[in-house]
PDB file of N, CA and C in Angstrom:
ATOM      1  N   UNK A   1      59.179  15.553 -69.543  1.00  0.00           N
ATOM      2  CA  UNK A   1      58.436  16.653 -70.155  1.00  0.00           C
ATOM      3  C   UNK A   1      58.985  17.845 -69.613  1.00  0.00           C
ATOM      4  N   UNK A   2      58.974  18.977 -70.349  1.00  0.00           N
ATOM      5  CA  UNK A   2      59.544  20.131 -69.795  1.00  0.00           C
ATOM      6  C   UNK A   2      58.465  20.788 -68.775  1.00  0.00           C
ATOM      7  N   UNK A   3      59.106  21.386 -67.709  1.00  0.00           N
ATOM      8  CA  UNK A   3      58.256  21.913 -66.592  1.00  0.00           C
ATOM      9  C   UNK A   3      57.510  23.110 -67.028  1.00  0.00           C
ATOM     10  N   UNK A   4      58.032  23.937 -67.993  1.00  0.00           N
ATOM     11  CA  UNK A   4      57.316  25.091 -68.417  1.00  0.00           C
ATOM     12  C   UNK A   4      56.144  24.534 -69.452  1.00  0.00           C
ATOM     13  N   UNK A   5      56.345  23.540 -70.053  1.00  0.00           N
ATOM     14  CA  UNK A   5      55.293  22.907 -71.025  1.00  0.00           C
ATOM     15  C   UNK A   5      54.251  22.424 -70.136  1.00  0.00           C
ATOM     16  N   UNK A   6      54.502  21.655 -69.018  1.00  0.00           N
ATOM     17  CA  UNK A   6      53.459  21.161 -68.182  1.00  0.00           C
ATOM     18  C   UNK A   6      52.555  22.200 -67.603  1.00  0.00           C
ATOM     19  N   UNK A   7      52.925  23.264 -67.359  1.00  0.00           N
ATOM     20  CA  UNK A   7      52.142  24.411 -66.682  1.00  0.00           C
ATOM     21  C   UNK A   7      51.602  25.301 -67.789  1.00  0.00           C
ATOM     22  N   UNK A   8      51.632  25.022 -69.026  1.00  0.00           N
ATOM     23  CA  UNK A   8      51.191  25.945 -70.113  1.00  0.00           C
ATOM     24  C   UNK A   8      49.567  26.052 -70.107  1.00  0.00           C
ATOM     25  N   UNK A   9      49.091  27.028 -70.700  1.00  0.00           N
ATOM     26  CA  UNK A   9      47.669  27.281 -70.817  1.00  0.00           C
ATOM     27  C   UNK A   9      46.945  26.084 -71.478  1.00  0.00           C
ATOM     28  N   UNK A  10      47.535  25.643 -72.470  1.00  0.00           N
ATOM     29  CA  UNK A  10      46.963  24.502 -73.210  1.00  0.00           C
ATOM     30  C   UNK A  10      46.816  23.294 -72.433  1.00  0.00           C
ATOM     31  N   UNK A  11      47.954  22.914 -71.696  1.00  0.00           N
ATOM     32  CA  UNK A  11      47.843  21.715 -70.746  1.00  0.00           C
ATOM     33  C   UNK A  11      46.905  21.909 -69.660  1.00  0.00           C
ATOM     34  N   UNK A  12      46.908  23.093 -69.161  1.00  0.00           N
ATOM     35  CA  UNK A  12      45.919  23.395 -68.021  1.00  0.00           C
ATOM     36  C   UNK A  12      44.471  23.289 -68.542  1.00  0.00           C
ATOM     37  N   UNK A  13      44.193  23.735 -69.674  1.00  0.00           N
ATOM     38  CA  UNK A  13      42.845  23.719 -70.311  1.00  0.00           C
ATOM     39  C   UNK A  13      42.374  22.352 -70.601  1.00  0.00           C
ATOM     40  N   UNK A  14      43.397  21.411 -71.092  1.00  0.00           N
ATOM     41  CA  UNK A  14      42.982  20.077 -71.418  1.00  0.00           C
ATOM     42  C   UNK A  14      42.809  19.436 -70.181  1.00  0.00           C
ATOM     43  N   UNK A  15      43.512  19.423 -69.059  1.00  0.00           N
ATOM     44  CA  UNK A  15      43.197  18.708 -67.823  1.00  0.00           C
ATOM     45  C   UNK A  15      42.027  19.319 -67.210  1.00  0.00           C
ATOM     46  N   UNK A  16      41.659  20.544 -67.385  1.00  0.00           N
ATOM     47  CA  UNK A  16      40.480  21.095 -66.696  1.00  0.00           C
ATOM     48  C   UNK A  16      39.282  20.598 -67.495  1.00  0.00           C
ATOM     49  N   UNK A  17      39.299  20.491 -68.791  1.00  0.00           N
ATOM     50  CA  UNK A  17      38.264  19.907 -69.564  1.00  0.00           C
ATOM     51  C   UNK A  17      37.959  18.454 -69.316  1.00  0.00           C
ATOM     52  N   UNK A  18      39.023  17.715 -69.082  1.00  0.00           N
ATOM     53  CA  UNK A  18      38.883  16.185 -68.692  1.00  0.00           C
ATOM     54  C   UNK A  18      38.223  16.133 -67.468  1.00  0.00           C
ATOM     55  N   UNK A  19      38.755  16.992 -66.352  1.00  0.00           N
ATOM     56  CA  UNK A  19      38.127  16.871 -64.992  1.00  0.00           C
ATOM     57  C   UNK A  19      36.531  17.354 -65.179  1.00  0.00           C
ATOM     58  N   UNK A  20      36.402  18.396 -65.969  1.00  0.00           N
ATOM     59  CA  UNK A  20      34.944  18.740 -66.078  1.00  0.00           C
ATOM     60  C   UNK A  20      33.993  17.743 -66.687  1.00  0.00           C
ATOM     61  N   UNK A  21      34.522  16.997 -67.703  1.00  0.00           N
ATOM     62  CA  UNK A  21      33.636  15.850 -68.365  1.00  0.00           C
ATOM     63  C   UNK A  21      33.451  14.675 -67.467  1.00  0.00           C
ATOM     64  N   UNK A  22      34.408  14.283 -66.635  1.00  0.00           N
ATOM     65  CA  UNK A  22      34.330  13.194 -65.890  1.00  0.00           C
ATOM     66  C   UNK A  22      33.921  13.309 -64.427  1.00  0.00           C
ATOM     67  N   UNK A  23      34.389  14.479 -63.824  1.00  0.00           N
ATOM     68  CA  UNK A  23      34.137  14.676 -62.463  1.00  0.00           C
ATOM     69  C   UNK A  23      33.579  16.092 -62.256  1.00  0.00           C
ATOM     70  N   UNK A  24      33.026  16.624 -63.190  1.00  0.00           N
ATOM     71  CA  UNK A  24      32.442  18.099 -63.199  1.00  0.00           C
ATOM     72  C   UNK A  24      31.304  18.270 -62.177  1.00  0.00           C
ATOM     73  N   UNK A  25      30.496  17.266 -61.911  1.00  0.00           N
ATOM     74  CA  UNK A  25      29.465  17.457 -60.836  1.00  0.00           C
ATOM     75  C   UNK A  25      30.021  17.577 -59.362  1.00  0.00           C
ATOM     76  N   UNK A  26      31.342  17.133 -59.304  1.00  0.00           N
ATOM     77  CA  UNK A  26      32.015  17.144 -57.966  1.00  0.00           C
ATOM     78  C   UNK A  26      32.847  18.463 -57.788  1.00  0.00           C
ATOM     79  N   UNK A  27      32.885  19.185 -58.860  1.00  0.00           N
ATOM     80  CA  UNK A  27      33.651  20.432 -58.954  1.00  0.00           C
ATOM     81  C   UNK A  27      35.247  20.301 -58.921  1.00  0.00           C
ATOM     82  N   UNK A  28      35.670  19.117 -59.462  1.00  0.00           N
ATOM     83  CA  UNK A  28      37.109  18.810 -59.475  1.00  0.00           C
ATOM     84  C   UNK A  28      37.862  19.952 -60.417  1.00  0.00           C
ATOM     85  N   UNK A  29      37.316  20.165 -61.389  1.00  0.00           N
ATOM     86  CA  UNK A  29      37.854  21.222 -62.304  1.00  0.00           C
ATOM     87  C   UNK A  29      38.167  22.581 -61.734  1.00  0.00           C
ATOM     88  N   UNK A  30      37.124  22.968 -60.815  1.00  0.00           N
ATOM     89  CA  UNK A  30      37.243  24.180 -60.100  1.00  0.00           C
ATOM     90  C   UNK A  30      38.381  24.252 -59.050  1.00  0.00           C
ATOM     91  N   UNK A  31      38.337  23.069 -58.354  1.00  0.00           N
ATOM     92  CA  UNK A  31      39.463  22.815 -57.396  1.00  0.00           C
ATOM     93  C   UNK A  31      40.879  22.963 -58.072  1.00  0.00           C
ATOM     94  N   UNK A  32      40.971  22.300 -59.258  1.00  0.00           N
ATOM     95  CA  UNK A  32      42.248  22.309 -59.972  1.00  0.00           C
ATOM     96  C   UNK A  32      42.641  23.663 -60.367  1.00  0.00           C
ATOM     97  N   UNK A  33      41.728  24.522 -60.706  1.00  0.00           N
ATOM     98  CA  UNK A  33      41.952  25.922 -61.244  1.00  0.00           C
ATOM     99  C   UNK A  33      42.069  26.849 -60.088  1.00  0.00           C
ATOM    100  N   UNK A  34      41.985  26.325 -58.779  1.00  0.00           N
ATOM    101  CA  UNK A  34      42.227  27.231 -57.636  1.00  0.00           C
ATOM    102  C   UNK A  34      41.025  27.905 -57.133  1.00  0.00           C
ATOM    103  N   UNK A  35      39.832  27.417 -57.600  1.00  0.00           N
ATOM    104  CA  UNK A  35      38.520  28.159 -57.121  1.00  0.00           C
ATOM    105  C   UNK A  35      37.929  27.213 -56.241  1.00  0.00           C
ATOM    106  N   UNK A  36      38.646  27.127 -55.085  1.00  0.00           N
ATOM    107  CA  UNK A  36      38.074  26.080 -53.968  1.00  0.00           C
ATOM    108  C   UNK A  36      36.837  26.585 -53.502  1.00  0.00           C
ATOM    109  N   UNK A  37      36.338  27.806 -53.439  1.00  0.00           N
ATOM    110  CA  UNK A  37      35.025  28.102 -52.801  1.00  0.00           C
ATOM    111  C   UNK A  37      33.901  27.572 -53.745  1.00  0.00           C
ATOM    112  N   UNK A  38      33.964  27.822 -54.949  1.00  0.00           N
ATOM    113  CA  UNK A  38      32.942  27.438 -55.897  1.00  0.00           C
ATOM    114  C   UNK A  38      33.068  25.873 -56.082  1.00  0.00           C
ATOM    115  N   UNK A  39      34.304  25.285 -56.017  1.00  0.00           N
ATOM    116  CA  UNK A  39      34.440  23.830 -56.036  1.00  0.00           C
ATOM    117  C   UNK A  39      33.630  23.309 -54.885  1.00  0.00           C
ATOM    118  N   UNK A  40      33.719  23.826 -53.599  1.00  0.00           N
ATOM    119  CA  UNK A  40      32.872  23.332 -52.484  1.00  0.00           C
ATOM    120  C   UNK A  40      31.328  23.325 -52.863  1.00  0.00           C
ATOM    121  N   UNK A  41      30.912  24.467 -53.453  1.00  0.00           N
ATOM    122  CA  UNK A  41      29.459  24.677 -53.886  1.00  0.00           C
ATOM    123  C   UNK A  41      29.142  23.478 -54.830  1.00  0.00           C
ATOM    124  N   UNK A  42      29.911  23.305 -55.853  1.00  0.00           N
ATOM    125  CA  UNK A  42      29.749  22.311 -56.865  1.00  0.00           C
ATOM    126  C   UNK A  42      29.669  20.850 -56.068  1.00  0.00           C
ATOM    127  N   UNK A  43      30.426  20.636 -55.230  1.00  0.00           N
ATOM    128  CA  UNK A  43      30.579  19.407 -54.456  1.00  0.00           C
ATOM    129  C   UNK A  43      29.366  19.165 -53.758  1.00  0.00           C
ATOM    130  N   UNK A  44      28.822  20.165 -53.086  1.00  0.00           N
ATOM    131  CA  UNK A  44      27.615  19.978 -52.165  1.00  0.00           C
ATOM    132  C   UNK A  44      26.299  20.057 -52.959  1.00  0.00           C
ATOM    133  N   UNK A  45      26.392  20.601 -54.183  1.00  0.00           N
ATOM    134  CA  UNK A  45      25.075  20.652 -55.023  1.00  0.00           C
ATOM    135  C   UNK A  45      25.114  19.865 -56.280  1.00  0.00           C
ATOM    136  N   UNK A  46      26.084  19.013 -56.456  1.00  0.00           N
ATOM    137  CA  UNK A  46      26.109  18.316 -57.662  1.00  0.00           C
ATOM    138  C   UNK A  46      26.320  18.998 -58.778  1.00  0.00           C
ATOM    139  N   UNK A  47      27.122  19.947 -58.749  1.00  0.00           N
ATOM    140  CA  UNK A  47      27.462  20.954 -59.903  1.00  0.00           C
ATOM    141  C   UNK A  47      26.296  21.844 -60.233  1.00  0.00           C
ATOM    142  N   UNK A  48      25.665  22.360 -58.986  1.00  0.00           N
ATOM    143  CA  UNK A  48      24.454  23.016 -59.039  1.00  0.00           C
ATOM    144  C   UNK A  48      23.432  22.371 -60.190  1.00  0.00           C
ATOM    145  N   UNK A  49      23.129  21.223 -59.635  1.00  0.00           N
ATOM    146  CA  UNK A  49      22.152  20.232 -60.299  1.00  0.00           C
ATOM    147  C   UNK A  49      22.551  20.187 -61.781  1.00  0.00           C
ATOM    148  N   UNK A  50      23.767  20.176 -62.152  1.00  0.00           N
ATOM    149  CA  UNK A  50      24.282  19.928 -63.494  1.00  0.00           C
ATOM    150  C   UNK A  50      24.227  21.041 -64.453  1.00  0.00           C
ATOM    151  N   UNK A  51      23.421  22.020 -64.062  1.00  0.00           N
ATOM    152  CA  UNK A  51      23.453  23.292 -64.907  1.00  0.00           C
ATOM    153  C   UNK A  51      24.778  24.136 -64.930  1.00  0.00           C
ATOM    154  N   UNK A  52      25.348  24.176 -63.767  1.00  0.00           N
ATOM    155  CA  UNK A  52      26.602  24.694 -63.601  1.00  0.00           C
ATOM    156  C   UNK A  52      27.833  24.140 -64.387  1.00  0.00           C
ATOM    157  N   UNK A  53      27.566  22.866 -64.504  1.00  0.00           N
ATOM    158  CA  UNK A  53      28.688  22.010 -65.321  1.00  0.00           C
ATOM    159  C   UNK A  53      28.531  22.446 -66.879  1.00  0.00           C
ATOM    160  N   UNK A  54      27.243  22.624 -67.274  1.00  0.00           N
ATOM    161  CA  UNK A  54      26.979  22.956 -68.647  1.00  0.00           C
ATOM    162  C   UNK A  54      27.590  24.360 -68.946  1.00  0.00           C
ATOM    163  N   UNK A  55      27.430  25.333 -68.127  1.00  0.00           N
ATOM    164  CA  UNK A  55      27.825  26.612 -68.269  1.00  0.00           C
ATOM    165  C   UNK A  55      29.389  26.650 -68.101  1.00  0.00           C
ATOM    166  N   UNK A  56      29.980  25.844 -67.405  1.00  0.00           N
ATOM    167  CA  UNK A  56      31.395  25.768 -67.297  1.00  0.00           C
ATOM    168  C   UNK A  56      32.125  25.316 -68.555  1.00  0.00           C
ATOM    169  N   UNK A  57      31.330  24.576 -69.517  1.00  0.00           N
ATOM    170  CA  UNK A  57      32.015  24.274 -70.714  1.00  0.00           C
ATOM    171  C   UNK A  57      32.360  25.475 -71.497  1.00  0.00           C
ATOM    172  N   UNK A  58      31.549  26.538 -71.344  1.00  0.00           N
ATOM    173  CA  UNK A  58      31.822  27.835 -72.012  1.00  0.00           C
ATOM    174  C   UNK A  58      32.916  28.677 -71.170  1.00  0.00           C
ATOM    175  N   UNK A  59      32.674  28.689 -69.992  1.00  0.00           N
ATOM    176  CA  UNK A  59      33.517  29.541 -69.095  1.00  0.00           C
ATOM    177  C   UNK A  59      34.939  28.952 -68.805  1.00  0.00           C
ATOM    178  N   UNK A  60      35.184  27.788 -69.058  1.00  0.00           N
ATOM    179  CA  UNK A  60      36.386  27.149 -68.708  1.00  0.00           C
ATOM    180  C   UNK A  60      37.638  27.654 -69.274  1.00  0.00           C
ATOM    181  N   UNK A  61      37.689  27.967 -70.522  1.00  0.00           N
ATOM    182  CA  UNK A  61      38.935  28.842 -71.101  1.00  0.00           C
ATOM    183  C   UNK A  61      39.141  30.071 -70.385  1.00  0.00           C
ATOM    184  N   UNK A  62      38.223  30.825 -69.906  1.00  0.00           N
ATOM    185  CA  UNK A  62      38.442  32.085 -69.194  1.00  0.00           C
ATOM    186  C   UNK A  62      39.089  31.893 -67.737  1.00  0.00           C
ATOM    187  N   UNK A  63      38.442  30.769 -67.226  1.00  0.00           N
ATOM    188  CA  UNK A  63      39.033  30.413 -65.876  1.00  0.00           C
ATOM    189  C   UNK A  63      40.452  29.978 -65.988  1.00  0.00           C
ATOM    190  N   UNK A  64      40.798  29.135 -66.908  1.00  0.00           N
ATOM    191  CA  UNK A  64      42.100  28.703 -67.098  1.00  0.00           C
ATOM    192  C   UNK A  64      43.101  29.979 -67.400  1.00  0.00           C
ATOM    193  N   UNK A  65      42.579  30.818 -68.111  1.00  0.00           N
ATOM    194  CA  UNK A  65      43.537  32.059 -68.441  1.00  0.00           C
ATOM    195  C   UNK A  65      43.719  32.756 -67.319  1.00  0.00           C
ATOM    196  N   UNK A  66      42.632  33.020 -66.286  1.00  0.00           N
ATOM    197  CA  UNK A  66      42.716  33.709 -65.149  1.00  0.00           C
ATOM    198  C   UNK A  66      43.945  33.268 -64.274  1.00  0.00           C
ATOM    199  N   UNK A  67      44.178  32.036 -64.280  1.00  0.00           N
ATOM    200  CA  UNK A  67      45.443  31.406 -63.442  1.00  0.00           C
ATOM    201  C   UNK A  67      46.680  32.023 -64.046  1.00  0.00           C
ATOM    202  N   UNK A  68      46.706  32.006 -65.359  1.00  0.00           N
ATOM    203  CA  UNK A  68      47.910  32.449 -66.079  1.00  0.00           C
ATOM    204  C   UNK A  68      48.300  33.905 -65.786  1.00  0.00           C
ATOM    205  N   UNK A  69      47.279  34.704 -65.692  1.00  0.00           N
ATOM    206  CA  UNK A  69      47.268  36.032 -65.408  1.00  0.00           C
ATOM    207  C   UNK A  69      47.433  36.416 -63.943  1.00  0.00           C
ATOM    208  N   UNK A  70      47.271  35.488 -63.094  1.00  0.00           N
ATOM    209  CA  UNK A  70      47.290  35.619 -61.751  1.00  0.00           C
ATOM    210  C   UNK A  70      46.089  36.303 -61.047  1.00  0.00           C
ATOM    211  N   UNK A  71      44.924  36.071 -61.769  1.00  0.00           N
ATOM    212  CA  UNK A  71      43.610  36.748 -61.390  1.00  0.00           C
ATOM    213  C   UNK A  71      42.629  35.755 -60.769  1.00  0.00           C
ATOM    214  N   UNK A  72      42.965  34.837 -60.062  1.00  0.00           N
ATOM    215  CA  UNK A  72      42.201  33.771 -59.566  1.00  0.00           C
ATOM    216  C   UNK A  72      41.214  34.463 -58.504  1.00  0.00           C
ATOM    217  N   UNK A  73      39.835  34.600 -58.765  1.00  0.00           N
ATOM    218  CA  UNK A  73      38.837  35.343 -58.155  1.00  0.00           C
ATOM    219  C   UNK A  73      38.548  34.764 -56.744  1.00  0.00           C
ATOM    220  N   UNK A  74      38.511  33.430 -56.665  1.00  0.00           N
ATOM    221  CA  UNK A  74      38.185  32.789 -55.256  1.00  0.00           C
ATOM    222  C   UNK A  74      39.292  33.056 -54.206  1.00  0.00           C
ATOM    223  N   UNK A  75      40.576  33.203 -54.657  1.00  0.00           N
ATOM    224  CA  UNK A  75      41.614  33.114 -53.761  1.00  0.00           C
ATOM    225  C   UNK A  75      42.152  34.548 -53.493  1.00  0.00           C
ATOM    226  N   UNK A  76      41.670  35.626 -54.213  1.00  0.00           N
ATOM    227  CA  UNK A  76      42.324  36.853 -54.127  1.00  0.00           C
ATOM    228  C   UNK A  76      41.856  37.661 -52.985  1.00  0.00           C
ATOM    229  N   UNK A  77      42.787  38.169 -52.196  1.00  0.00           N
ATOM    230  CA  UNK A  77      42.461  38.957 -51.010  1.00  0.00           C
ATOM    231  C   UNK A  77      43.000  40.346 -51.288  1.00  0.00           C
ATOM    232  N   UNK A  78      41.975  41.324 -51.200  1.00  0.00           N
ATOM    233  CA  UNK A  78      42.383  42.712 -51.590  1.00  0.00           C
ATOM    234  C   UNK A  78      43.093  43.349 -50.431  1.00  0.00           C
ATOM    235  N   UNK A  79      44.051  44.131 -50.812  1.00  0.00           N
ATOM    236  CA  UNK A  79      44.947  44.896 -49.770  1.00  0.00           C
ATOM    237  C   UNK A  79      44.177  46.238 -49.639  1.00  0.00           C
ATOM    238  N   UNK A  80      43.823  46.544 -48.488  1.00  0.00           N
ATOM    239  CA  UNK A  80      42.961  47.814 -48.212  1.00  0.00           C
ATOM    240  C   UNK A  80      43.998  48.943 -47.975  1.00  0.00           C
ATOM    241  N   UNK A  81      45.269  48.834 -47.981  1.00  0.00           N
ATOM    242  CA  UNK A  81      46.206  50.032 -47.808  1.00  0.00           C
ATOM    243  C   UNK A  81      46.492  50.719 -49.060  1.00  0.00           C
ATOM    244  N   UNK A  82      46.261  50.018 -50.146  1.00  0.00           N
ATOM    245  CA  UNK A  82      46.795  50.903 -51.289  1.00  0.00           C
ATOM    246  C   UNK A  82      45.999  50.725 -52.467  1.00  0.00           C
TER     247      UNK A  82
END
């Protein structure tokens, strides 16, 4: 399979939804999308008692799109010089 196709938005969204459906309470979908801090929160709280998992079914397309734009919120470090 083409490397560019494997990293496309559609594939990232598909794998994220699969991780959310089967391992969402462990935060695997958030780790996959580079949001390791909230992934740890989900891991420790069971997906915030399952409510966060339900919310993520709506928010997941935006989270996958943020990776494509380079706007991952958990990993961003602001440069204070400019």
